[in-house]
Amino acid sequence: MGIEAEIRERLEAAFSPERLHVTNESGKHAGHAGDHGSGESHWHVEIEAAAFKDMGRVQRHRAVHAALGDVMERIHALALDVR
């Protein structure tokens, strides 16, 4: 299973989002720090879920990182828009 599928699967299971958009931005960072040549190093996630309603920005980001678990160890960068 690729990183994108893992991100989707874990976030859907954890938050049942109304909206989830996962974008691989690795191509924009080719040759930069953190580009390990896999083509799956840099990601952008937009997620909207009721589960985030009573959370502050830092809490939402921590919740996403926790849901992703070891995926975070296998990527270099994750940009988040959490609503």
PDB file of N, CA and C in Angstrom:
ATOM      1  N   MET A   1       0.850  -1.176   0.000  1.00  0.00           N
ATOM      2  CA  MET A   1       0.000   0.000   0.000  1.00  0.00           C
ATOM      3  C   MET A   1       0.893   1.236   0.000  1.00  0.00           C
ATOM      4  N   GLY A   2       0.564   2.205  -0.824  1.00  0.00           N
ATOM      5  CA  GLY A   2       1.332   3.432  -0.894  1.00  0.00           C
ATOM      6  C   GLY A   2       0.992   4.390   0.251  1.00  0.00           C
ATOM      7  N   ILE A   3       1.812   5.393   0.413  1.00  0.00           N
ATOM      8  CA  ILE A   3       1.634   6.371   1.481  1.00  0.00           C
ATOM      9  C   ILE A   3       0.279   7.078   1.363  1.00  0.00           C
ATOM     10  N   GLU A   4      -0.110   7.474   0.163  1.00  0.00           N
ATOM     11  CA  GLU A   4      -1.388   8.181   0.001  1.00  0.00           C
ATOM     12  C   GLU A   4      -2.553   7.329   0.509  1.00  0.00           C
ATOM     13  N   ALA A   5      -2.566   6.075   0.138  1.00  0.00           N
ATOM     14  CA  ALA A   5      -3.639   5.180   0.577  1.00  0.00           C
ATOM     15  C   ALA A   5      -3.626   5.021   2.094  1.00  0.00           C
ATOM     16  N   GLU A   6      -2.435   4.926   2.681  1.00  0.00           N
ATOM     17  CA  GLU A   6      -2.341   4.808   4.140  1.00  0.00           C
ATOM     18  C   GLU A   6      -2.860   6.063   4.831  1.00  0.00           C
ATOM     19  N   ILE A   7      -2.486   7.227   4.305  1.00  0.00           N
ATOM     20  CA  ILE A   7      -2.956   8.482   4.888  1.00  0.00           C
ATOM     21  C   ILE A   7      -4.478   8.517   4.850  1.00  0.00           C
ATOM     22  N   ARG A   8      -5.042   8.243   3.689  1.00  0.00           N
ATOM     23  CA  ARG A   8      -6.513   8.257   3.537  1.00  0.00           C
ATOM     24  C   ARG A   8      -7.183   7.271   4.502  1.00  0.00           C
ATOM     25  N   GLU A   9      -6.696   6.050   4.509  1.00  0.00           N
ATOM     26  CA  GLU A   9      -7.300   4.999   5.327  1.00  0.00           C
ATOM     27  C   GLU A   9      -7.285   5.372   6.810  1.00  0.00           C
ATOM     28  N   ARG A  10      -6.152   5.844   7.289  1.00  0.00           N
ATOM     29  CA  ARG A  10      -6.030   6.167   8.711  1.00  0.00           C
ATOM     30  C   ARG A  10      -6.868   7.381   9.103  1.00  0.00           C
ATOM     31  N   LEU A  11      -6.887   8.401   8.258  1.00  0.00           N
ATOM     32  CA  LEU A  11      -7.665   9.591   8.593  1.00  0.00           C
ATOM     33  C   LEU A  11      -9.168   9.328   8.491  1.00  0.00           C
ATOM     34  N   GLU A  12      -9.573   8.543   7.514  1.00  0.00           N
ATOM     35  CA  GLU A  12     -10.995   8.186   7.408  1.00  0.00           C
ATOM     36  C   GLU A  12     -11.432   7.375   8.627  1.00  0.00           C
ATOM     37  N   ALA A  13     -10.605   6.435   9.060  1.00  0.00           N
ATOM     38  CA  ALA A  13     -10.938   5.607  10.217  1.00  0.00           C
ATOM     39  C   ALA A  13     -10.989   6.429  11.503  1.00  0.00           C
ATOM     40  N   ALA A  14     -10.091   7.373  11.644  1.00  0.00           N
ATOM     41  CA  ALA A  14     -10.005   8.143  12.887  1.00  0.00           C
ATOM     42  C   ALA A  14     -11.046   9.256  12.990  1.00  0.00           C
ATOM     43  N   PHE A  15     -11.404   9.878  11.855  1.00  0.00           N
ATOM     44  CA  PHE A  15     -12.215  11.096  11.923  1.00  0.00           C
ATOM     45  C   PHE A  15     -13.501  11.082  11.109  1.00  0.00           C
ATOM     46  N   SER A  16     -13.731  10.095  10.281  1.00  0.00           N
ATOM     47  CA  SER A  16     -14.905  10.068   9.391  1.00  0.00           C
ATOM     48  C   SER A  16     -15.135  11.449   8.772  1.00  0.00           C
ATOM     49  N   PRO A  17     -14.164  11.948   8.030  1.00  0.00           N
ATOM     50  CA  PRO A  17     -14.252  13.321   7.535  1.00  0.00           C
ATOM     51  C   PRO A  17     -15.350  13.539   6.499  1.00  0.00           C
ATOM     52  N   GLU A  18     -15.896  14.754   6.540  1.00  0.00           N
ATOM     53  CA  GLU A  18     -16.857  15.162   5.515  1.00  0.00           C
ATOM     54  C   GLU A  18     -16.095  15.471   4.224  1.00  0.00           C
ATOM     55  N   ARG A  19     -14.858  15.910   4.388  1.00  0.00           N
ATOM     56  CA  ARG A  19     -14.021  16.267   3.249  1.00  0.00           C
ATOM     57  C   ARG A  19     -12.582  15.846   3.556  1.00  0.00           C
ATOM     58  N   LEU A  20     -11.951  15.188   2.587  1.00  0.00           N
ATOM     59  CA  LEU A  20     -10.559  14.777   2.738  1.00  0.00           C
ATOM     60  C   LEU A  20      -9.899  14.858   1.372  1.00  0.00           C
ATOM     61  N   HIS A  21      -8.842  15.653   1.301  1.00  0.00           N
ATOM     62  CA  HIS A  21      -8.087  15.782   0.056  1.00  0.00           C
ATOM     63  C   HIS A  21      -6.611  15.589   0.391  1.00  0.00           C
ATOM     64  N   VAL A  22      -5.978  14.607  -0.237  1.00  0.00           N
ATOM     65  CA  VAL A  22      -4.575  14.284   0.010  1.00  0.00           C
ATOM     66  C   VAL A  22      -3.801  14.527  -1.281  1.00  0.00           C
ATOM     67  N   THR A  23      -2.787  15.392  -1.201  1.00  0.00           N
ATOM     68  CA  THR A  23      -2.009  15.751  -2.380  1.00  0.00           C
ATOM     69  C   THR A  23      -0.542  15.419  -2.167  1.00  0.00           C
ATOM     70  N   ASN A  24       0.024  14.701  -3.105  1.00  0.00           N
ATOM     71  CA  ASN A  24       1.452  14.397  -3.084  1.00  0.00           C
ATOM     72  C   ASN A  24       2.178  15.582  -3.719  1.00  0.00           C
ATOM     73  N   GLU A  25       2.941  16.310  -2.919  1.00  0.00           N
ATOM     74  CA  GLU A  25       3.674  17.474  -3.400  1.00  0.00           C
ATOM     75  C   GLU A  25       5.174  17.193  -3.523  1.00  0.00           C
ATOM     76  N   SER A  26       5.548  15.934  -3.540  1.00  0.00           N
ATOM     77  CA  SER A  26       6.954  15.548  -3.576  1.00  0.00           C
ATOM     78  C   SER A  26       7.678  16.089  -4.806  1.00  0.00           C
ATOM     79  N   GLY A  27       6.997  16.143  -5.928  1.00  0.00           N
ATOM     80  CA  GLY A  27       7.613  16.633  -7.160  1.00  0.00           C
ATOM     81  C   GLY A  27       8.091  18.068  -7.049  1.00  0.00           C
ATOM     82  N   LYS A  28       7.434  18.854  -6.213  1.00  0.00           N
ATOM     83  CA  LYS A  28       7.830  20.254  -6.011  1.00  0.00           C
ATOM     84  C   LYS A  28       9.118  20.366  -5.203  1.00  0.00           C
ATOM     85  N   HIS A  29       9.515  19.279  -4.556  1.00  0.00           N
ATOM     86  CA  HIS A  29      10.648  19.307  -3.640  1.00  0.00           C
ATOM     87  C   HIS A  29      11.800  18.404  -4.084  1.00  0.00           C
ATOM     88  N   ALA A  30      11.760  17.947  -5.314  1.00  0.00           N
ATOM     89  CA  ALA A  30      12.807  17.054  -5.827  1.00  0.00           C
ATOM     90  C   ALA A  30      14.174  17.711  -5.674  1.00  0.00           C
ATOM     91  N   GLY A  31      15.093  16.975  -5.081  1.00  0.00           N
ATOM     92  CA  GLY A  31      16.444  17.469  -4.889  1.00  0.00           C
ATOM     93  C   GLY A  31      16.631  18.316  -3.647  1.00  0.00           C
ATOM     94  N   HIS A  32      15.565  18.631  -2.951  1.00  0.00           N
ATOM     95  CA  HIS A  32      15.642  19.426  -1.730  1.00  0.00           C
ATOM     96  C   HIS A  32      15.873  18.520  -0.526  1.00  0.00           C
ATOM     97  N   ALA A  33      16.125  19.152   0.613  1.00  0.00           N
ATOM     98  CA  ALA A  33      16.282  18.396   1.864  1.00  0.00           C
ATOM     99  C   ALA A  33      15.035  17.553   2.106  1.00  0.00           C
ATOM    100  N   GLY A  34      15.241  16.347   2.507  1.00  0.00           N
ATOM    101  CA  GLY A  34      14.123  15.469   2.824  1.00  0.00           C
ATOM    102  C   GLY A  34      13.605  14.664   1.652  1.00  0.00           C
ATOM    103  N   ASP A  35      14.029  14.999   0.443  1.00  0.00           N
ATOM    104  CA  ASP A  35      13.612  14.216  -0.721  1.00  0.00           C
ATOM    105  C   ASP A  35      14.450  12.950  -0.747  1.00  0.00           C
ATOM    106  N   HIS A  36      13.851  11.829  -0.367  1.00  0.00           N
ATOM    107  CA  HIS A  36      14.601  10.575  -0.293  1.00  0.00           C
ATOM    108  C   HIS A  36      14.448   9.734  -1.554  1.00  0.00           C
ATOM    109  N   GLY A  37      13.934  10.343  -2.608  1.00  0.00           N
ATOM    110  CA  GLY A  37      13.864   9.667  -3.899  1.00  0.00           C
ATOM    111  C   GLY A  37      12.693   8.731  -4.095  1.00  0.00           C
ATOM    112  N   SER A  38      11.827   8.605  -3.102  1.00  0.00           N
ATOM    113  CA  SER A  38      10.690   7.684  -3.204  1.00  0.00           C
ATOM    114  C   SER A  38       9.529   8.285  -3.988  1.00  0.00           C
ATOM    115  N   GLY A  39       9.520   9.604  -4.116  1.00  0.00           N
ATOM    116  CA  GLY A  39       8.373  10.270  -4.733  1.00  0.00           C
ATOM    117  C   GLY A  39       7.206  10.386  -3.774  1.00  0.00           C
ATOM    118  N   GLU A  40       7.437  10.057  -2.503  1.00  0.00           N
ATOM    119  CA  GLU A  40       6.385  10.112  -1.487  1.00  0.00           C
ATOM    120  C   GLU A  40       6.913  10.741  -0.193  1.00  0.00           C
ATOM    121  N   SER A  41       7.567  11.875  -0.322  1.00  0.00           N
ATOM    122  CA  SER A  41       8.197  12.494   0.848  1.00  0.00           C
ATOM    123  C   SER A  41       7.456  13.718   1.382  1.00  0.00           C
ATOM    124  N   HIS A  42       6.720  14.419   0.529  1.00  0.00           N
ATOM    125  CA  HIS A  42       6.063  15.674   0.912  1.00  0.00           C
ATOM    126  C   HIS A  42       4.569  15.597   0.588  1.00  0.00           C
ATOM    127  N   TRP A  43       3.734  15.896   1.597  1.00  0.00           N
ATOM    128  CA  TRP A  43       2.283  15.736   1.456  1.00  0.00           C
ATOM    129  C   TRP A  43       1.538  16.963   1.953  1.00  0.00           C
ATOM    130  N   HIS A  44       0.369  17.177   1.374  1.00  0.00           N
ATOM    131  CA  HIS A  44      -0.545  18.222   1.823  1.00  0.00           C
ATOM    132  C   HIS A  44      -1.903  17.566   2.046  1.00  0.00           C
ATOM    133  N   VAL A  45      -2.454  17.749   3.236  1.00  0.00           N
ATOM    134  CA  VAL A  45      -3.747  17.161   3.576  1.00  0.00           C
ATOM    135  C   VAL A  45      -4.720  18.269   3.964  1.00  0.00           C
ATOM    136  N   GLU A  46      -5.871  18.244   3.337  1.00  0.00           N
ATOM    137  CA  GLU A  46      -6.989  19.107   3.717  1.00  0.00           C
ATOM    138  C   GLU A  46      -8.060  18.177   4.256  1.00  0.00           C
ATOM    139  N   ILE A  47      -8.470  18.429   5.491  1.00  0.00           N
ATOM    140  CA  ILE A  47      -9.460  17.555   6.116  1.00  0.00           C
ATOM    141  C   ILE A  47     -10.461  18.397   6.899  1.00  0.00           C
ATOM    142  N   GLU A  48     -11.705  18.027   6.769  1.00  0.00           N
ATOM    143  CA  GLU A  48     -12.785  18.695   7.502  1.00  0.00           C
ATOM    144  C   GLU A  48     -13.619  17.605   8.166  1.00  0.00           C
ATOM    145  N   ALA A  49     -13.753  17.713   9.501  1.00  0.00           N
ATOM    146  CA  ALA A  49     -14.493  16.687  10.236  1.00  0.00           C
ATOM    147  C   ALA A  49     -15.105  17.280  11.502  1.00  0.00           C
ATOM    148  N   ALA A  50     -16.251  16.776  11.869  1.00  0.00           N
ATOM    149  CA  ALA A  50     -16.920  17.213  13.097  1.00  0.00           C
ATOM    150  C   ALA A  50     -16.057  16.934  14.330  1.00  0.00           C
ATOM    151  N   ALA A  51     -15.213  15.936  14.243  1.00  0.00           N
ATOM    152  CA  ALA A  51     -14.357  15.564  15.375  1.00  0.00           C
ATOM    153  C   ALA A  51     -13.439  16.702  15.811  1.00  0.00           C
ATOM    154  N   PHE A  52     -13.164  17.650  14.928  1.00  0.00           N
ATOM    155  CA  PHE A  52     -12.265  18.759  15.235  1.00  0.00           C
ATOM    156  C   PHE A  52     -12.983  19.976  15.821  1.00  0.00           C
ATOM    157  N   LYS A  53     -14.299  19.903  15.921  1.00  0.00           N
ATOM    158  CA  LYS A  53     -15.124  21.057  16.305  1.00  0.00           C
ATOM    159  C   LYS A  53     -14.647  21.777  17.570  1.00  0.00           C
ATOM    160  N   ASP A  54     -14.368  21.050  18.615  1.00  0.00           N
ATOM    161  CA  ASP A  54     -14.011  21.660  19.891  1.00  0.00           C
ATOM    162  C   ASP A  54     -12.506  21.674  20.152  1.00  0.00           C
ATOM    163  N   MET A  55     -11.709  21.459  19.107  1.00  0.00           N
ATOM    164  CA  MET A  55     -10.255  21.434  19.264  1.00  0.00           C
ATOM    165  C   MET A  55      -9.636  22.729  18.741  1.00  0.00           C
ATOM    166  N   GLY A  56      -8.586  23.152  19.401  1.00  0.00           N
ATOM    167  CA  GLY A  56      -7.795  24.263  18.892  1.00  0.00           C
ATOM    168  C   GLY A  56      -6.905  23.778  17.763  1.00  0.00           C
ATOM    169  N   ARG A  57      -6.221  24.705  17.101  1.00  0.00           N
ATOM    170  CA  ARG A  57      -5.379  24.364  15.956  1.00  0.00           C
ATOM    171  C   ARG A  57      -4.296  23.339  16.315  1.00  0.00           C
ATOM    172  N   VAL A  58      -3.604  23.558  17.420  1.00  0.00           N
ATOM    173  CA  VAL A  58      -2.533  22.642  17.815  1.00  0.00           C
ATOM    174  C   VAL A  58      -3.107  21.264  18.140  1.00  0.00           C
ATOM    175  N   GLN A  59      -4.233  21.223  18.824  1.00  0.00           N
ATOM    176  CA  GLN A  59      -4.872  19.937  19.147  1.00  0.00           C
ATOM    177  C   GLN A  59      -5.272  19.183  17.875  1.00  0.00           C
ATOM    178  N   ARG A  60      -5.804  19.916  16.879  1.00  0.00           N
ATOM    179  CA  ARG A  60      -6.196  19.271  15.620  1.00  0.00           C
ATOM    180  C   ARG A  60      -4.982  18.663  14.921  1.00  0.00           C
ATOM    181  N   HIS A  61      -3.889  19.425  14.882  1.00  0.00           N
ATOM    182  CA  HIS A  61      -2.687  18.929  14.222  1.00  0.00           C
ATOM    183  C   HIS A  61      -2.123  17.714  14.962  1.00  0.00           C
ATOM    184  N   ARG A  62      -2.124  17.774  16.280  1.00  0.00           N
ATOM    185  CA  ARG A  62      -1.638  16.635  17.064  1.00  0.00           C
ATOM    186  C   ARG A  62      -2.507  15.402  16.842  1.00  0.00           C
ATOM    187  N   ALA A  63      -3.808  15.602  16.734  1.00  0.00           N
ATOM    188  CA  ALA A  63      -4.725  14.481  16.506  1.00  0.00           C
ATOM    189  C   ALA A  63      -4.455  13.830  15.146  1.00  0.00           C
ATOM    190  N   VAL A  64      -4.210  14.637  14.135  1.00  0.00           N
ATOM    191  CA  VAL A  64      -3.904  14.097  12.804  1.00  0.00           C
ATOM    192  C   VAL A  64      -2.588  13.330  12.845  1.00  0.00           C
ATOM    193  N   HIS A  65      -1.563  13.915  13.471  1.00  0.00           N
ATOM    194  CA  HIS A  65      -0.271  13.235  13.568  1.00  0.00           C
ATOM    195  C   HIS A  65      -0.419  11.908  14.314  1.00  0.00           C
ATOM    196  N   ALA A  66      -1.188  11.904  15.388  1.00  0.00           N
ATOM    197  CA  ALA A  66      -1.402  10.666  16.153  1.00  0.00           C
ATOM    198  C   ALA A  66      -2.119   9.617  15.300  1.00  0.00           C
ATOM    199  N   ALA A  67      -3.115  10.041  14.543  1.00  0.00           N
ATOM    200  CA  ALA A  67      -3.854   9.102  13.691  1.00  0.00           C
ATOM    201  C   ALA A  67      -2.953   8.507  12.608  1.00  0.00           C
ATOM    202  N   LEU A  68      -2.010   9.284  12.126  1.00  0.00           N
ATOM    203  CA  LEU A  68      -1.113   8.804  11.072  1.00  0.00           C
ATOM    204  C   LEU A  68      -0.024   7.888  11.617  1.00  0.00           C
ATOM    205  N   GLY A  69       0.275   8.010  12.900  1.00  0.00           N
ATOM    206  CA  GLY A  69       1.234   7.110  13.543  1.00  0.00           C
ATOM    207  C   GLY A  69       2.558   7.018  12.815  1.00  0.00           C
ATOM    208  N   ASP A  70       2.977   5.792  12.483  1.00  0.00           N
ATOM    209  CA  ASP A  70       4.296   5.575  11.884  1.00  0.00           C
ATOM    210  C   ASP A  70       4.431   6.111  10.466  1.00  0.00           C
ATOM    211  N   VAL A  71       3.344   6.521   9.850  1.00  0.00           N
ATOM    212  CA  VAL A  71       3.453   7.167   8.532  1.00  0.00           C
ATOM    213  C   VAL A  71       4.321   8.417   8.657  1.00  0.00           C
ATOM    214  N   MET A  72       4.194   9.109   9.787  1.00  0.00           N
ATOM    215  CA  MET A  72       4.964  10.337   9.998  1.00  0.00           C
ATOM    216  C   MET A  72       6.465  10.075   9.984  1.00  0.00           C
ATOM    217  N   GLU A  73       6.884   8.883  10.341  1.00  0.00           N
ATOM    218  CA  GLU A  73       8.305   8.532  10.343  1.00  0.00           C
ATOM    219  C   GLU A  73       8.827   8.252   8.932  1.00  0.00           C
ATOM    220  N   ARG A  74       7.912   8.005   8.003  1.00  0.00           N
ATOM    221  CA  ARG A  74       8.315   7.628   6.645  1.00  0.00           C
ATOM    222  C   ARG A  74       8.195   8.756   5.630  1.00  0.00           C
ATOM    223  N   ILE A  75       7.751   9.922   6.085  1.00  0.00           N
ATOM    224  CA  ILE A  75       7.663  11.075   5.195  1.00  0.00           C
ATOM    225  C   ILE A  75       8.507  12.200   5.774  1.00  0.00           C
ATOM    226  N   HIS A  76       8.803  13.186   4.942  1.00  0.00           N
ATOM    227  CA  HIS A  76       9.611  14.316   5.401  1.00  0.00           C
ATOM    228  C   HIS A  76       8.749  15.487   5.841  1.00  0.00           C
ATOM    229  N   ALA A  77       7.674  15.759   5.091  1.00  0.00           N
ATOM    230  CA  ALA A  77       6.882  16.957   5.377  1.00  0.00           C
ATOM    231  C   ALA A  77       5.397  16.686   5.190  1.00  0.00           C
ATOM    232  N   LEU A  78       4.606  17.309   6.064  1.00  0.00           N
ATOM    233  CA  LEU A  78       3.150  17.216   5.989  1.00  0.00           C
ATOM    234  C   LEU A  78       2.568  18.595   6.253  1.00  0.00           C
ATOM    235  N   ALA A  79       1.960  19.177   5.234  1.00  0.00           N
ATOM    236  CA  ALA A  79       1.261  20.452   5.378  1.00  0.00           C
ATOM    237  C   ALA A  79      -0.205  20.115   5.668  1.00  0.00           C
ATOM    238  N   LEU A  80      -0.786  20.792   6.665  1.00  0.00           N
ATOM    239  CA  LEU A  80      -2.155  20.476   7.075  1.00  0.00           C
ATOM    240  C   LEU A  80      -3.067  21.695   7.035  1.00  0.00           C
ATOM    241  N   ASP A  81      -4.260  21.469   6.504  1.00  0.00           N
ATOM    242  CA  ASP A  81      -5.386  22.395   6.625  1.00  0.00           C
ATOM    243  C   ASP A  81      -6.475  21.578   7.297  1.00  0.00           C
ATOM    244  N   VAL A  82      -6.715  21.837   8.572  1.00  0.00           N
ATOM    245  CA  VAL A  82      -7.650  21.035   9.349  1.00  0.00           C
ATOM    246  C   VAL A  82      -8.799  21.925   9.800  1.00  0.00           C
ATOM    247  N   ARG A  83     -10.009  21.519   9.456  1.00  0.00           N
ATOM    248  CA  ARG A  83     -11.206  22.281   9.840  1.00  0.00           C
ATOM    249  C   ARG A  83     -12.207  21.363  10.469  1.00  0.00           C
TER     250      ARG A  83
END
